């Protein structure tokens, strides 16, 4: 296989790229760093392909900045009338594709199994560095049976995870990013997904459920810290399938108050992770409980000598 870095990037031309994609198999991964224009190119390719009477589907796989659908989910859509129509979605209840990459891969695989016959574009999350980026890339290509990876990049920078890309044995199309593509700021992304989430919950009702009636899964906060539950995204699951998704209003007296869109069902299994609406209303990732400063003191038998001054003992221990 030819090394992509040895050639200039292909020009950003959706019509030409659409022609090349039609010569291959039916599953294409759009890959690149956050803000480089993957979702925009996905839409433009779908428009071109639909003009060639090609039925086109897409899985948007970035729960923090989805191309369509709800934040905190991955969605399967079909291109119809110049837009994506959501056919199915899987709740993740997180915005962090890197941290929760295994649940993300599992959800994307389930959606791919629901995809009707047609060309499938997968809009990958912008996690392109480190172990998380490597595992996501290789997992998506191998588990989704990807034949072509369309990599968006810039001439001034090497393609991300180039060694992993070359090891996969798939067709690689390195494409120059749109000249106007630029990474959105953290606040911009937060405001955009918050608007999507609030629109979804605009018409909703509240329910109250005893914790004893629920099977909690995911990474819920401690039950003895009620304030940590307020604003958490949550989803009712049945046999691995998402039934509904909503937001926790409060945990009080071991009862959960949950806001859900009207006329949506519930189950006994509730998924909770770290997607959370803060007091300012923004949908963000909650701070992990272990992120605070911790002080380690060795056990008494490892202390250099008995003392009531534990800080002095600790300093002496560190000098051993």
C-alpha atoms as a PDB file:
ATOM      1  CA  UNK A   1       0.000   0.000   0.000  1.00  0.00           C
ATOM      2  CA  UNK A   2       1.248   3.468  -0.825  1.00  0.00           C
ATOM      3  CA  UNK A   3       2.118   5.630   2.141  1.00  0.00           C
ATOM      4  CA  UNK A   4      -0.449   8.499   2.251  1.00  0.00           C
ATOM      5  CA  UNK A   5       2.118  10.929   3.607  1.00  0.00           C
ATOM      6  CA  UNK A   6       4.166  10.510   0.404  1.00  0.00           C
ATOM      7  CA  UNK A   7       1.425  12.174  -1.668  1.00  0.00           C
ATOM      8  CA  UNK A   8      -0.308  15.536  -1.443  1.00  0.00           C
ATOM      9  CA  UNK A   9      -3.726  15.446   0.105  1.00  0.00           C
ATOM     10  CA  UNK A  10      -6.610  15.092  -2.295  1.00  0.00           C
ATOM     11  CA  UNK A  11      -8.440  18.383  -2.842  1.00  0.00           C
ATOM     12  CA  UNK A  12     -11.631  19.005  -0.921  1.00  0.00           C
ATOM     13  CA  UNK A  13     -14.092  18.138  -3.691  1.00  0.00           C
ATOM     14  CA  UNK A  14     -17.200  16.215  -2.553  1.00  0.00           C
ATOM     15  CA  UNK A  15     -18.328  15.385  -6.097  1.00  0.00           C
ATOM     16  CA  UNK A  16     -14.986  13.783  -6.989  1.00  0.00           C
ATOM     17  CA  UNK A  17     -14.812  11.954  -3.664  1.00  0.00           C
ATOM     18  CA  UNK A  18     -18.336  10.609  -4.138  1.00  0.00           C
ATOM     19  CA  UNK A  19     -17.282   9.061  -7.451  1.00  0.00           C
ATOM     20  CA  UNK A  20     -14.335   7.333  -5.776  1.00  0.00           C
ATOM     21  CA  UNK A  21     -16.471   6.032  -2.929  1.00  0.00           C
ATOM     22  CA  UNK A  22     -18.909   4.415  -5.350  1.00  0.00           C
ATOM     23  CA  UNK A  23     -16.096   2.237  -6.714  1.00  0.00           C
ATOM     24  CA  UNK A  24     -15.528   0.543  -3.368  1.00  0.00           C
ATOM     25  CA  UNK A  25     -17.576  -1.316  -0.811  1.00  0.00           C
ATOM     26  CA  UNK A  26     -20.468   0.095   1.113  1.00  0.00           C
ATOM     27  CA  UNK A  27     -18.925   1.206   4.436  1.00  0.00           C
ATOM     28  CA  UNK A  28     -16.757   4.318   4.694  1.00  0.00           C
ATOM     29  CA  UNK A  29     -15.231   5.818   7.839  1.00  0.00           C
ATOM     30  CA  UNK A  30     -14.699   9.596   7.926  1.00  0.00           C
ATOM     31  CA  UNK A  31     -11.804  10.223  10.267  1.00  0.00           C
ATOM     32  CA  UNK A  32      -9.901  13.235  11.588  1.00  0.00           C
ATOM     33  CA  UNK A  33      -9.414  15.557  14.521  1.00  0.00           C
ATOM     34  CA  UNK A  34     -12.274  17.524  16.060  1.00  0.00           C
ATOM     35  CA  UNK A  35     -13.420  20.524  14.050  1.00  0.00           C
ATOM     36  CA  UNK A  36     -11.749  19.491  10.804  1.00  0.00           C
ATOM     37  CA  UNK A  37     -15.053  19.194   8.933  1.00  0.00           C
ATOM     38  CA  UNK A  38     -16.025  15.510   9.039  1.00  0.00           C
ATOM     39  CA  UNK A  39     -19.733  16.160   9.602  1.00  0.00           C
ATOM     40  CA  UNK A  40     -19.827  18.853   6.919  1.00  0.00           C
ATOM     41  CA  UNK A  41     -18.174  16.553   4.390  1.00  0.00           C
ATOM     42  CA  UNK A  42     -20.505  13.720   5.408  1.00  0.00           C
ATOM     43  CA  UNK A  43     -23.493  15.907   4.536  1.00  0.00           C
ATOM     44  CA  UNK A  44     -21.973  17.020   1.243  1.00  0.00           C
ATOM     45  CA  UNK A  45     -21.141  13.447   0.253  1.00  0.00           C
ATOM     46  CA  UNK A  46     -24.683  12.335   1.079  1.00  0.00           C
ATOM     47  CA  UNK A  47     -26.052  15.124  -1.106  1.00  0.00           C
ATOM     48  CA  UNK A  48     -23.798  14.096  -4.000  1.00  0.00           C
ATOM     49  CA  UNK A  49     -24.556  10.402  -3.615  1.00  0.00           C
ATOM     50  CA  UNK A  50     -28.310  10.923  -3.394  1.00  0.00           C
ATOM     51  CA  UNK A  51     -28.070  12.830  -6.667  1.00  0.00           C
ATOM     52  CA  UNK A  52     -26.676   9.635  -8.198  1.00  0.00           C
ATOM     53  CA  UNK A  53     -29.686   7.647  -6.924  1.00  0.00           C
ATOM     54  CA  UNK A  54     -27.554   6.088  -4.193  1.00  0.00           C
ATOM     55  CA  UNK A  55     -29.358   5.363  -0.922  1.00  0.00           C
ATOM     56  CA  UNK A  56     -27.146   6.774   1.799  1.00  0.00           C
ATOM     57  CA  UNK A  57     -27.066   6.138   5.544  1.00  0.00           C
ATOM     58  CA  UNK A  58     -24.877   7.576   8.275  1.00  0.00           C
ATOM     59  CA  UNK A  59     -23.934   6.741  11.844  1.00  0.00           C
ATOM     60  CA  UNK A  60     -22.890   9.834  13.743  1.00  0.00           C
ATOM     61  CA  UNK A  61     -20.519   8.459  16.370  1.00  0.00           C
ATOM     62  CA  UNK A  62     -19.446  11.525  18.362  1.00  0.00           C
ATOM     63  CA  UNK A  63     -21.721  11.811  21.427  1.00  0.00           C
ATOM     64  CA  UNK A  64     -20.229  15.180  22.394  1.00  0.00           C
ATOM     65  CA  UNK A  65     -20.760  16.900  19.033  1.00  0.00           C
ATOM     66  CA  UNK A  66     -23.159  14.787  16.974  1.00  0.00           C
ATOM     67  CA  UNK A  67     -23.725  15.696  13.344  1.00  0.00           C
ATOM     68  CA  UNK A  68     -27.411  14.965  13.946  1.00  0.00           C
ATOM     69  CA  UNK A  69     -29.483  13.405  16.692  1.00  0.00           C
ATOM     70  CA  UNK A  70     -29.073  14.012  20.411  1.00  0.00           C
ATOM     71  CA  UNK A  71     -25.928  14.702  22.426  1.00  0.00           C
ATOM     72  CA  UNK A  72     -25.016  11.785  24.641  1.00  0.00           C
ATOM     73  CA  UNK A  73     -26.106   9.320  21.948  1.00  0.00           C
ATOM     74  CA  UNK A  74     -24.992   7.791  18.668  1.00  0.00           C
ATOM     75  CA  UNK A  75     -27.571   7.811  15.878  1.00  0.00           C
ATOM     76  CA  UNK A  76     -28.332   6.096  12.589  1.00  0.00           C
ATOM     77  CA  UNK A  77     -29.831   8.324   9.915  1.00  0.00           C
ATOM     78  CA  UNK A  78     -30.937   8.175   6.300  1.00  0.00           C
ATOM     79  CA  UNK A  79     -30.391  11.086   3.924  1.00  0.00           C
ATOM     80  CA  UNK A  80     -33.790  12.353   2.802  1.00  0.00           C
ATOM     81  CA  UNK A  81     -34.767  15.732   1.400  1.00  0.00           C
ATOM     82  CA  UNK A  82     -31.383  17.334   2.090  1.00  0.00           C
ATOM     83  CA  UNK A  83     -31.244  16.233   5.715  1.00  0.00           C
ATOM     84  CA  UNK A  84     -30.629  13.258   7.962  1.00  0.00           C
ATOM     85  CA  UNK A  85     -33.742  11.510   9.236  1.00  0.00           C
ATOM     86  CA  UNK A  86     -32.997   9.566  12.423  1.00  0.00           C
ATOM     87  CA  UNK A  87     -33.930   5.890  12.111  1.00  0.00           C
ATOM     88  CA  UNK A  88     -32.555   4.681  15.447  1.00  0.00           C
ATOM     89  CA  UNK A  89     -30.309   5.798  18.273  1.00  0.00           C
ATOM     90  CA  UNK A  90     -28.373   4.316  21.175  1.00  0.00           C
ATOM     91  CA  UNK A  91     -27.967   6.196  24.441  1.00  0.00           C
ATOM     92  CA  UNK A  92     -24.490   6.483  25.929  1.00  0.00           C
ATOM     93  CA  UNK A  93     -25.241   9.179  28.529  1.00  0.00           C
ATOM     94  CA  UNK A  94     -21.729  10.525  28.062  1.00  0.00           C
ATOM     95  CA  UNK A  95     -20.092  13.146  25.867  1.00  0.00           C
ATOM     96  CA  UNK A  96     -16.655  11.553  26.214  1.00  0.00           C
ATOM     97  CA  UNK A  97     -15.947   9.184  23.314  1.00  0.00           C
ATOM     98  CA  UNK A  98     -12.417   8.501  24.512  1.00  0.00           C
ATOM     99  CA  UNK A  99     -13.205   7.542  28.079  1.00  0.00           C
ATOM    100  CA  UNK A 100     -16.220   5.390  27.194  1.00  0.00           C
ATOM    101  CA  UNK A 101     -14.934   3.998  23.904  1.00  0.00           C
ATOM    102  CA  UNK A 102     -16.062   0.411  24.529  1.00  0.00           C
ATOM    103  CA  UNK A 103     -19.747   1.351  25.075  1.00  0.00           C
ATOM    104  CA  UNK A 104     -19.480   3.636  22.039  1.00  0.00           C
ATOM    105  CA  UNK A 105     -18.126   0.859  19.815  1.00  0.00           C
ATOM    106  CA  UNK A 106     -20.803  -1.528  21.063  1.00  0.00           C
ATOM    107  CA  UNK A 107     -23.553   0.998  20.323  1.00  0.00           C
ATOM    108  CA  UNK A 108     -22.212   1.759  16.838  1.00  0.00           C
ATOM    109  CA  UNK A 109     -22.054  -1.955  16.031  1.00  0.00           C
ATOM    110  CA  UNK A 110     -25.688  -2.401  17.080  1.00  0.00           C
ATOM    111  CA  UNK A 111     -26.734   0.493  14.856  1.00  0.00           C
ATOM    112  CA  UNK A 112     -24.741  -0.876  11.925  1.00  0.00           C
ATOM    113  CA  UNK A 113     -26.640  -4.150  12.258  1.00  0.00           C
ATOM    114  CA  UNK A 114     -29.891  -2.207  11.844  1.00  0.00           C
ATOM    115  CA  UNK A 115     -28.720  -0.405   8.704  1.00  0.00           C
ATOM    116  CA  UNK A 116     -30.729  -1.256   5.564  1.00  0.00           C
ATOM    117  CA  UNK A 117     -28.977  -2.032   2.300  1.00  0.00           C
ATOM    118  CA  UNK A 118     -27.122   1.017   1.024  1.00  0.00           C
ATOM    119  CA  UNK A 119     -23.940   2.996   1.398  1.00  0.00           C
ATOM    120  CA  UNK A 120     -23.049   3.681   5.047  1.00  0.00           C
ATOM    121  CA  UNK A 121     -20.927   6.631   6.172  1.00  0.00           C
ATOM    122  CA  UNK A 122     -19.565   6.573   9.732  1.00  0.00           C
ATOM    123  CA  UNK A 123     -18.775  10.027  11.123  1.00  0.00           C
ATOM    124  CA  UNK A 124     -16.100   9.151  13.694  1.00  0.00           C
ATOM    125  CA  UNK A 125     -15.432  11.090  16.909  1.00  0.00           C
ATOM    126  CA  UNK A 126     -12.477  13.468  16.859  1.00  0.00           C
ATOM    127  CA  UNK A 127     -10.365  11.325  19.197  1.00  0.00           C
ATOM    128  CA  UNK A 128      -7.167  10.830  17.190  1.00  0.00           C
ATOM    129  CA  UNK A 129      -4.391  10.624  19.786  1.00  0.00           C
ATOM    130  CA  UNK A 130      -3.087   8.180  22.343  1.00  0.00           C
ATOM    131  CA  UNK A 131      -4.454   4.828  23.375  1.00  0.00           C
ATOM    132  CA  UNK A 132      -8.083   5.963  23.143  1.00  0.00           C
ATOM    133  CA  UNK A 133      -7.653   7.222  19.581  1.00  0.00           C
ATOM    134  CA  UNK A 134      -5.817   4.087  18.483  1.00  0.00           C
ATOM    135  CA  UNK A 135      -8.370   1.721  19.993  1.00  0.00           C
ATOM    136  CA  UNK A 136     -11.309   3.633  18.546  1.00  0.00           C
ATOM    137  CA  UNK A 137      -9.833   3.717  15.050  1.00  0.00           C
ATOM    138  CA  UNK A 138      -8.816   0.074  14.946  1.00  0.00           C
ATOM    139  CA  UNK A 139     -12.008  -1.077  16.635  1.00  0.00           C
ATOM    140  CA  UNK A 140     -14.268   0.761  14.208  1.00  0.00           C
ATOM    141  CA  UNK A 141     -12.401  -0.414  11.115  1.00  0.00           C
ATOM    142  CA  UNK A 142     -12.229  -4.057  12.159  1.00  0.00           C
ATOM    143  CA  UNK A 143     -15.604  -4.470  13.858  1.00  0.00           C
ATOM    144  CA  UNK A 144     -17.611  -2.484  11.295  1.00  0.00           C
ATOM    145  CA  UNK A 145     -15.910  -4.116   8.300  1.00  0.00           C
ATOM    146  CA  UNK A 146     -14.715  -0.764   6.942  1.00  0.00           C
ATOM    147  CA  UNK A 147     -13.104  -0.865   3.497  1.00  0.00           C
ATOM    148  CA  UNK A 148     -12.280   2.835   3.026  1.00  0.00           C
ATOM    149  CA  UNK A 149     -11.053   5.388   5.552  1.00  0.00           C
ATOM    150  CA  UNK A 150     -11.439   8.950   4.351  1.00  0.00           C
ATOM    151  CA  UNK A 151      -8.916  10.893   6.446  1.00  0.00           C
ATOM    152  CA  UNK A 152      -9.266  14.650   6.677  1.00  0.00           C
ATOM    153  CA  UNK A 153      -6.002  16.447   7.317  1.00  0.00           C
ATOM    154  CA  UNK A 154      -3.854  19.452   6.525  1.00  0.00           C
ATOM    155  CA  UNK A 155      -0.715  19.584   4.419  1.00  0.00           C
ATOM    156  CA  UNK A 156       1.194  21.167   7.301  1.00  0.00           C
ATOM    157  CA  UNK A 157       0.560  18.228   9.651  1.00  0.00           C
ATOM    158  CA  UNK A 158       1.053  14.451   9.403  1.00  0.00           C
ATOM    159  CA  UNK A 159      -2.039  12.300   9.208  1.00  0.00           C
ATOM    160  CA  UNK A 160      -3.192  11.213  12.674  1.00  0.00           C
ATOM    161  CA  UNK A 161      -2.290   7.684  13.809  1.00  0.00           C
ATOM    162  CA  UNK A 162      -0.635   6.955  10.474  1.00  0.00           C
ATOM    163  CA  UNK A 163       0.957   3.690  11.658  1.00  0.00           C
ATOM    164  CA  UNK A 164      -2.405   2.341  12.780  1.00  0.00           C
ATOM    165  CA  UNK A 165      -3.986   3.367   9.484  1.00  0.00           C
ATOM    166  CA  UNK A 166      -1.312   1.610   7.451  1.00  0.00           C
ATOM    167  CA  UNK A 167      -1.573  -1.558   9.538  1.00  0.00           C
ATOM    168  CA  UNK A 168      -5.284  -2.033   8.847  1.00  0.00           C
ATOM    169  CA  UNK A 169      -5.033  -3.046   5.195  1.00  0.00           C
ATOM    170  CA  UNK A 170      -7.848  -0.771   4.048  1.00  0.00           C
ATOM    171  CA  UNK A 171      -8.078   1.846   1.331  1.00  0.00           C
ATOM    172  CA  UNK A 172      -7.020   5.255   2.638  1.00  0.00           C
ATOM    173  CA  UNK A 173      -8.149   8.479   0.991  1.00  0.00           C
ATOM    174  CA  UNK A 174      -6.254  11.417   2.537  1.00  0.00           C
ATOM    175  CA  UNK A 175      -8.259  14.581   1.869  1.00  0.00           C
ATOM    176  CA  UNK A 176      -7.445  18.198   2.583  1.00  0.00           C
ATOM    177  CA  UNK A 177      -9.735  19.790   5.139  1.00  0.00           C
ATOM    178  CA  UNK A 178     -12.120  22.477   3.980  1.00  0.00           C
ATOM    179  CA  UNK A 179     -10.216  25.787   3.926  1.00  0.00           C
ATOM    180  CA  UNK A 180     -12.699  27.311   6.366  1.00  0.00           C
ATOM    181  CA  UNK A 181     -12.719  24.380   8.799  1.00  0.00           C
ATOM    182  CA  UNK A 182     -11.605  25.313  12.301  1.00  0.00           C
ATOM    183  CA  UNK A 183     -12.068  23.640  15.685  1.00  0.00           C
ATOM    184  CA  UNK A 184     -15.006  25.153  17.580  1.00  0.00           C
ATOM    185  CA  UNK A 185     -14.255  26.370  21.076  1.00  0.00           C
ATOM    186  CA  UNK A 186     -15.272  24.386  24.121  1.00  0.00           C
ATOM    187  CA  UNK A 187     -18.012  26.887  24.987  1.00  0.00           C
ATOM    188  CA  UNK A 188     -19.344  26.870  21.433  1.00  0.00           C
ATOM    189  CA  UNK A 189     -19.677  23.085  21.464  1.00  0.00           C
ATOM    190  CA  UNK A 190     -21.314  23.171  24.894  1.00  0.00           C
ATOM    191  CA  UNK A 191     -23.878  25.786  23.836  1.00  0.00           C
ATOM    192  CA  UNK A 192     -24.725  23.937  20.614  1.00  0.00           C
ATOM    193  CA  UNK A 193     -25.344  20.566  22.252  1.00  0.00           C
ATOM    194  CA  UNK A 194     -27.220  22.224  25.126  1.00  0.00           C
ATOM    195  CA  UNK A 195     -29.590  23.829  22.639  1.00  0.00           C
ATOM    196  CA  UNK A 196     -30.171  20.438  20.990  1.00  0.00           C
ATOM    197  CA  UNK A 197     -30.833  18.817  24.365  1.00  0.00           C
ATOM    198  CA  UNK A 198     -33.175  21.548  25.609  1.00  0.00           C
ATOM    199  CA  UNK A 199     -35.169  21.420  22.362  1.00  0.00           C
ATOM    200  CA  UNK A 200     -35.621  17.688  22.867  1.00  0.00           C
ATOM    201  CA  UNK A 201     -36.907  18.193  26.423  1.00  0.00           C
ATOM    202  CA  UNK A 202     -39.055  21.224  25.587  1.00  0.00           C
ATOM    203  CA  UNK A 203     -42.243  19.152  25.802  1.00  0.00           C
ATOM    204  CA  UNK A 204     -41.778  16.782  28.711  1.00  0.00           C
ATOM    205  CA  UNK A 205     -43.278  15.373  31.875  1.00  0.00           C
ATOM    206  CA  UNK A 206     -41.846  14.295  35.219  1.00  0.00           C
ATOM    207  CA  UNK A 207     -41.902  10.844  36.757  1.00  0.00           C
ATOM    208  CA  UNK A 208     -40.788   9.546  40.157  1.00  0.00           C
ATOM    209  CA  UNK A 209     -39.239   6.097  40.595  1.00  0.00           C
ATOM    210  CA  UNK A 210     -37.914   4.313  43.679  1.00  0.00           C
ATOM    211  CA  UNK A 211     -34.278   3.318  43.418  1.00  0.00           C
ATOM    212  CA  UNK A 212     -35.247  -0.107  44.738  1.00  0.00           C
ATOM    213  CA  UNK A 213     -37.267  -0.628  41.551  1.00  0.00           C
ATOM    214  CA  UNK A 214     -34.305   0.108  39.273  1.00  0.00           C
ATOM    215  CA  UNK A 215     -31.197  -1.695  38.085  1.00  0.00           C
ATOM    216  CA  UNK A 216     -28.566   1.033  37.751  1.00  0.00           C
ATOM    217  CA  UNK A 217     -25.891   0.489  35.090  1.00  0.00           C
ATOM    218  CA  UNK A 218     -23.088   2.551  33.565  1.00  0.00           C
ATOM    219  CA  UNK A 219     -21.161   4.695  36.036  1.00  0.00           C
ATOM    220  CA  UNK A 220     -23.775   6.313  38.296  1.00  0.00           C
ATOM    221  CA  UNK A 221     -22.603   8.595  41.122  1.00  0.00           C
ATOM    222  CA  UNK A 222     -22.775   7.399  44.738  1.00  0.00           C
ATOM    223  CA  UNK A 223     -26.307   7.149  46.076  1.00  0.00           C
ATOM    224  CA  UNK A 224     -25.227   8.885  49.282  1.00  0.00           C
ATOM    225  CA  UNK A 225     -24.318  12.025  47.284  1.00  0.00           C
ATOM    226  CA  UNK A 226     -27.759  13.195  46.050  1.00  0.00           C
ATOM    227  CA  UNK A 227     -26.476  16.474  44.618  1.00  0.00           C
ATOM    228  CA  UNK A 228     -24.304  14.545  42.155  1.00  0.00           C
ATOM    229  CA  UNK A 229     -27.413  13.093  40.494  1.00  0.00           C
ATOM    230  CA  UNK A 230     -29.067  16.399  39.648  1.00  0.00           C
ATOM    231  CA  UNK A 231     -28.938  17.125  35.921  1.00  0.00           C
ATOM    232  CA  UNK A 232     -27.515  13.733  34.911  1.00  0.00           C
ATOM    233  CA  UNK A 233     -28.565  12.369  31.561  1.00  0.00           C
ATOM    234  CA  UNK A 234     -30.191   8.955  31.948  1.00  0.00           C
ATOM    235  CA  UNK A 235     -31.691   6.328  29.678  1.00  0.00           C
ATOM    236  CA  UNK A 236     -34.078   3.436  30.157  1.00  0.00           C
ATOM    237  CA  UNK A 237     -32.711   0.258  28.587  1.00  0.00           C
ATOM    238  CA  UNK A 238     -34.377  -3.041  27.706  1.00  0.00           C
ATOM    239  CA  UNK A 239     -32.254  -6.012  26.603  1.00  0.00           C
ATOM    240  CA  UNK A 240     -29.487  -3.666  25.499  1.00  0.00           C
ATOM    241  CA  UNK A 241     -31.821  -1.442  23.476  1.00  0.00           C
ATOM    242  CA  UNK A 242     -32.539   2.199  24.312  1.00  0.00           C
ATOM    243  CA  UNK A 243     -36.207   2.777  25.119  1.00  0.00           C
ATOM    244  CA  UNK A 244     -36.061   6.414  26.228  1.00  0.00           C
ATOM    245  CA  UNK A 245     -33.617   9.078  27.349  1.00  0.00           C
ATOM    246  CA  UNK A 246     -34.154  11.939  29.766  1.00  0.00           C
ATOM    247  CA  UNK A 247     -32.659  13.952  32.610  1.00  0.00           C
ATOM    248  CA  UNK A 248     -32.607  13.443  36.363  1.00  0.00           C
ATOM    249  CA  UNK A 249     -34.158  16.335  38.277  1.00  0.00           C
ATOM    250  CA  UNK A 250     -33.273  15.164  41.775  1.00  0.00           C
ATOM    251  CA  UNK A 251     -32.549  12.223  44.043  1.00  0.00           C
ATOM    252  CA  UNK A 252     -34.435  12.525  47.310  1.00  0.00           C
ATOM    253  CA  UNK A 253     -35.357   9.889  49.898  1.00  0.00           C
ATOM    254  CA  UNK A 254     -34.021   7.210  47.542  1.00  0.00           C
ATOM    255  CA  UNK A 255     -36.455   8.304  44.850  1.00  0.00           C
ATOM    256  CA  UNK A 256     -35.443   9.638  41.444  1.00  0.00           C
ATOM    257  CA  UNK A 257     -37.357  12.444  39.791  1.00  0.00           C
ATOM    258  CA  UNK A 258     -36.780  12.228  36.043  1.00  0.00           C
ATOM    259  CA  UNK A 259     -37.776  14.505  33.175  1.00  0.00           C
ATOM    260  CA  UNK A 260     -38.778  12.634  30.009  1.00  0.00           C
ATOM    261  CA  UNK A 261     -40.433  13.631  26.743  1.00  0.00           C
ATOM    262  CA  UNK A 262     -44.159  13.028  26.892  1.00  0.00           C
ATOM    263  CA  UNK A 263     -45.527   9.559  26.088  1.00  0.00           C
ATOM    264  CA  UNK A 264     -42.174   7.743  26.273  1.00  0.00           C
ATOM    265  CA  UNK A 265     -41.839   4.412  28.056  1.00  0.00           C
ATOM    266  CA  UNK A 266     -39.645   3.296  30.940  1.00  0.00           C
ATOM    267  CA  UNK A 267     -38.026   0.031  32.034  1.00  0.00           C
ATOM    268  CA  UNK A 268     -36.364  -1.305  35.180  1.00  0.00           C
ATOM    269  CA  UNK A 269     -32.834  -0.728  33.842  1.00  0.00           C
ATOM    270  CA  UNK A 270     -31.484   2.823  34.044  1.00  0.00           C
ATOM    271  CA  UNK A 271     -28.216   3.869  32.399  1.00  0.00           C
ATOM    272  CA  UNK A 272     -26.338   6.775  33.994  1.00  0.00           C
ATOM    273  CA  UNK A 273     -22.851   8.036  33.168  1.00  0.00           C
ATOM    274  CA  UNK A 274     -21.220  11.468  33.275  1.00  0.00           C
ATOM    275  CA  UNK A 275     -23.234  13.657  30.863  1.00  0.00           C
ATOM    276  CA  UNK A 276     -24.790  16.306  33.096  1.00  0.00           C
ATOM    277  CA  UNK A 277     -26.575  19.649  32.914  1.00  0.00           C
ATOM    278  CA  UNK A 278     -24.816  22.060  35.243  1.00  0.00           C
ATOM    279  CA  UNK A 279     -26.520  24.746  37.305  1.00  0.00           C
ATOM    280  CA  UNK A 280     -25.829  27.217  34.487  1.00  0.00           C
ATOM    281  CA  UNK A 281     -27.824  24.938  32.171  1.00  0.00           C
ATOM    282  CA  UNK A 282     -24.944  23.763  29.982  1.00  0.00           C
ATOM    283  CA  UNK A 283     -24.714  20.068  29.122  1.00  0.00           C
ATOM    284  CA  UNK A 284     -21.159  18.999  29.990  1.00  0.00           C
ATOM    285  CA  UNK A 285     -19.174  16.096  31.432  1.00  0.00           C
ATOM    286  CA  UNK A 286     -19.476  15.913  35.205  1.00  0.00           C
ATOM    287  CA  UNK A 287     -16.235  16.095  37.159  1.00  0.00           C
ATOM    288  CA  UNK A 288     -15.159  12.581  38.228  1.00  0.00           C
ATOM    289  CA  UNK A 289     -15.280  11.992  41.957  1.00  0.00           C
ATOM    290  CA  UNK A 290     -11.650  10.877  42.020  1.00  0.00           C
ATOM    291  CA  UNK A 291     -10.346  14.068  40.441  1.00  0.00           C
ATOM    292  CA  UNK A 292      -9.766  15.826  43.775  1.00  0.00           C
ATOM    293  CA  UNK A 293      -6.430  15.965  45.575  1.00  0.00           C
ATOM    294  CA  UNK A 294      -5.738  12.864  47.628  1.00  0.00           C
ATOM    295  CA  UNK A 295      -3.185  12.507  50.439  1.00  0.00           C
ATOM    296  CA  UNK A 296      -1.535   9.135  50.888  1.00  0.00           C
ATOM    297  CA  UNK A 297      -0.298   7.985  54.267  1.00  0.00           C
ATOM    298  CA  UNK A 298       1.551   4.660  54.519  1.00  0.00           C
ATOM    299  CA  UNK A 299       0.299   2.017  56.964  1.00  0.00           C
ATOM    300  CA  UNK A 300       1.612   2.268  60.552  1.00  0.00           C
ATOM    301  CA  UNK A 301       4.065  -0.621  60.163  1.00  0.00           C
ATOM    302  CA  UNK A 302       5.754   1.206  57.289  1.00  0.00           C
ATOM    303  CA  UNK A 303       6.187   4.479  59.191  1.00  0.00           C
ATOM    304  CA  UNK A 304       9.791   5.305  60.167  1.00  0.00           C
ATOM    305  CA  UNK A 305       8.889   5.812  63.843  1.00  0.00           C
ATOM    306  CA  UNK A 306       5.761   6.372  65.969  1.00  0.00           C
ATOM    307  CA  UNK A 307       4.526   9.931  66.028  1.00  0.00           C
ATOM    308  CA  UNK A 308       1.337  11.936  66.275  1.00  0.00           C
ATOM    309  CA  UNK A 309       2.710  14.282  63.627  1.00  0.00           C
ATOM    310  CA  UNK A 310       1.584  12.390  60.534  1.00  0.00           C
ATOM    311  CA  UNK A 311       2.773  15.056  58.127  1.00  0.00           C
ATOM    312  CA  UNK A 312       6.298  14.778  59.572  1.00  0.00           C
ATOM    313  CA  UNK A 313       6.111  10.987  59.342  1.00  0.00           C
ATOM    314  CA  UNK A 314       5.008  11.225  55.736  1.00  0.00           C
ATOM    315  CA  UNK A 315       7.920  13.518  54.865  1.00  0.00           C
ATOM    316  CA  UNK A 316      10.343  11.149  56.562  1.00  0.00           C
ATOM    317  CA  UNK A 317       8.810   8.188  54.740  1.00  0.00           C
ATOM    318  CA  UNK A 318       9.289   9.882  51.377  1.00  0.00           C
ATOM    319  CA  UNK A 319      13.000  10.310  52.143  1.00  0.00           C
ATOM    320  CA  UNK A 320      13.502   6.560  52.666  1.00  0.00           C
END
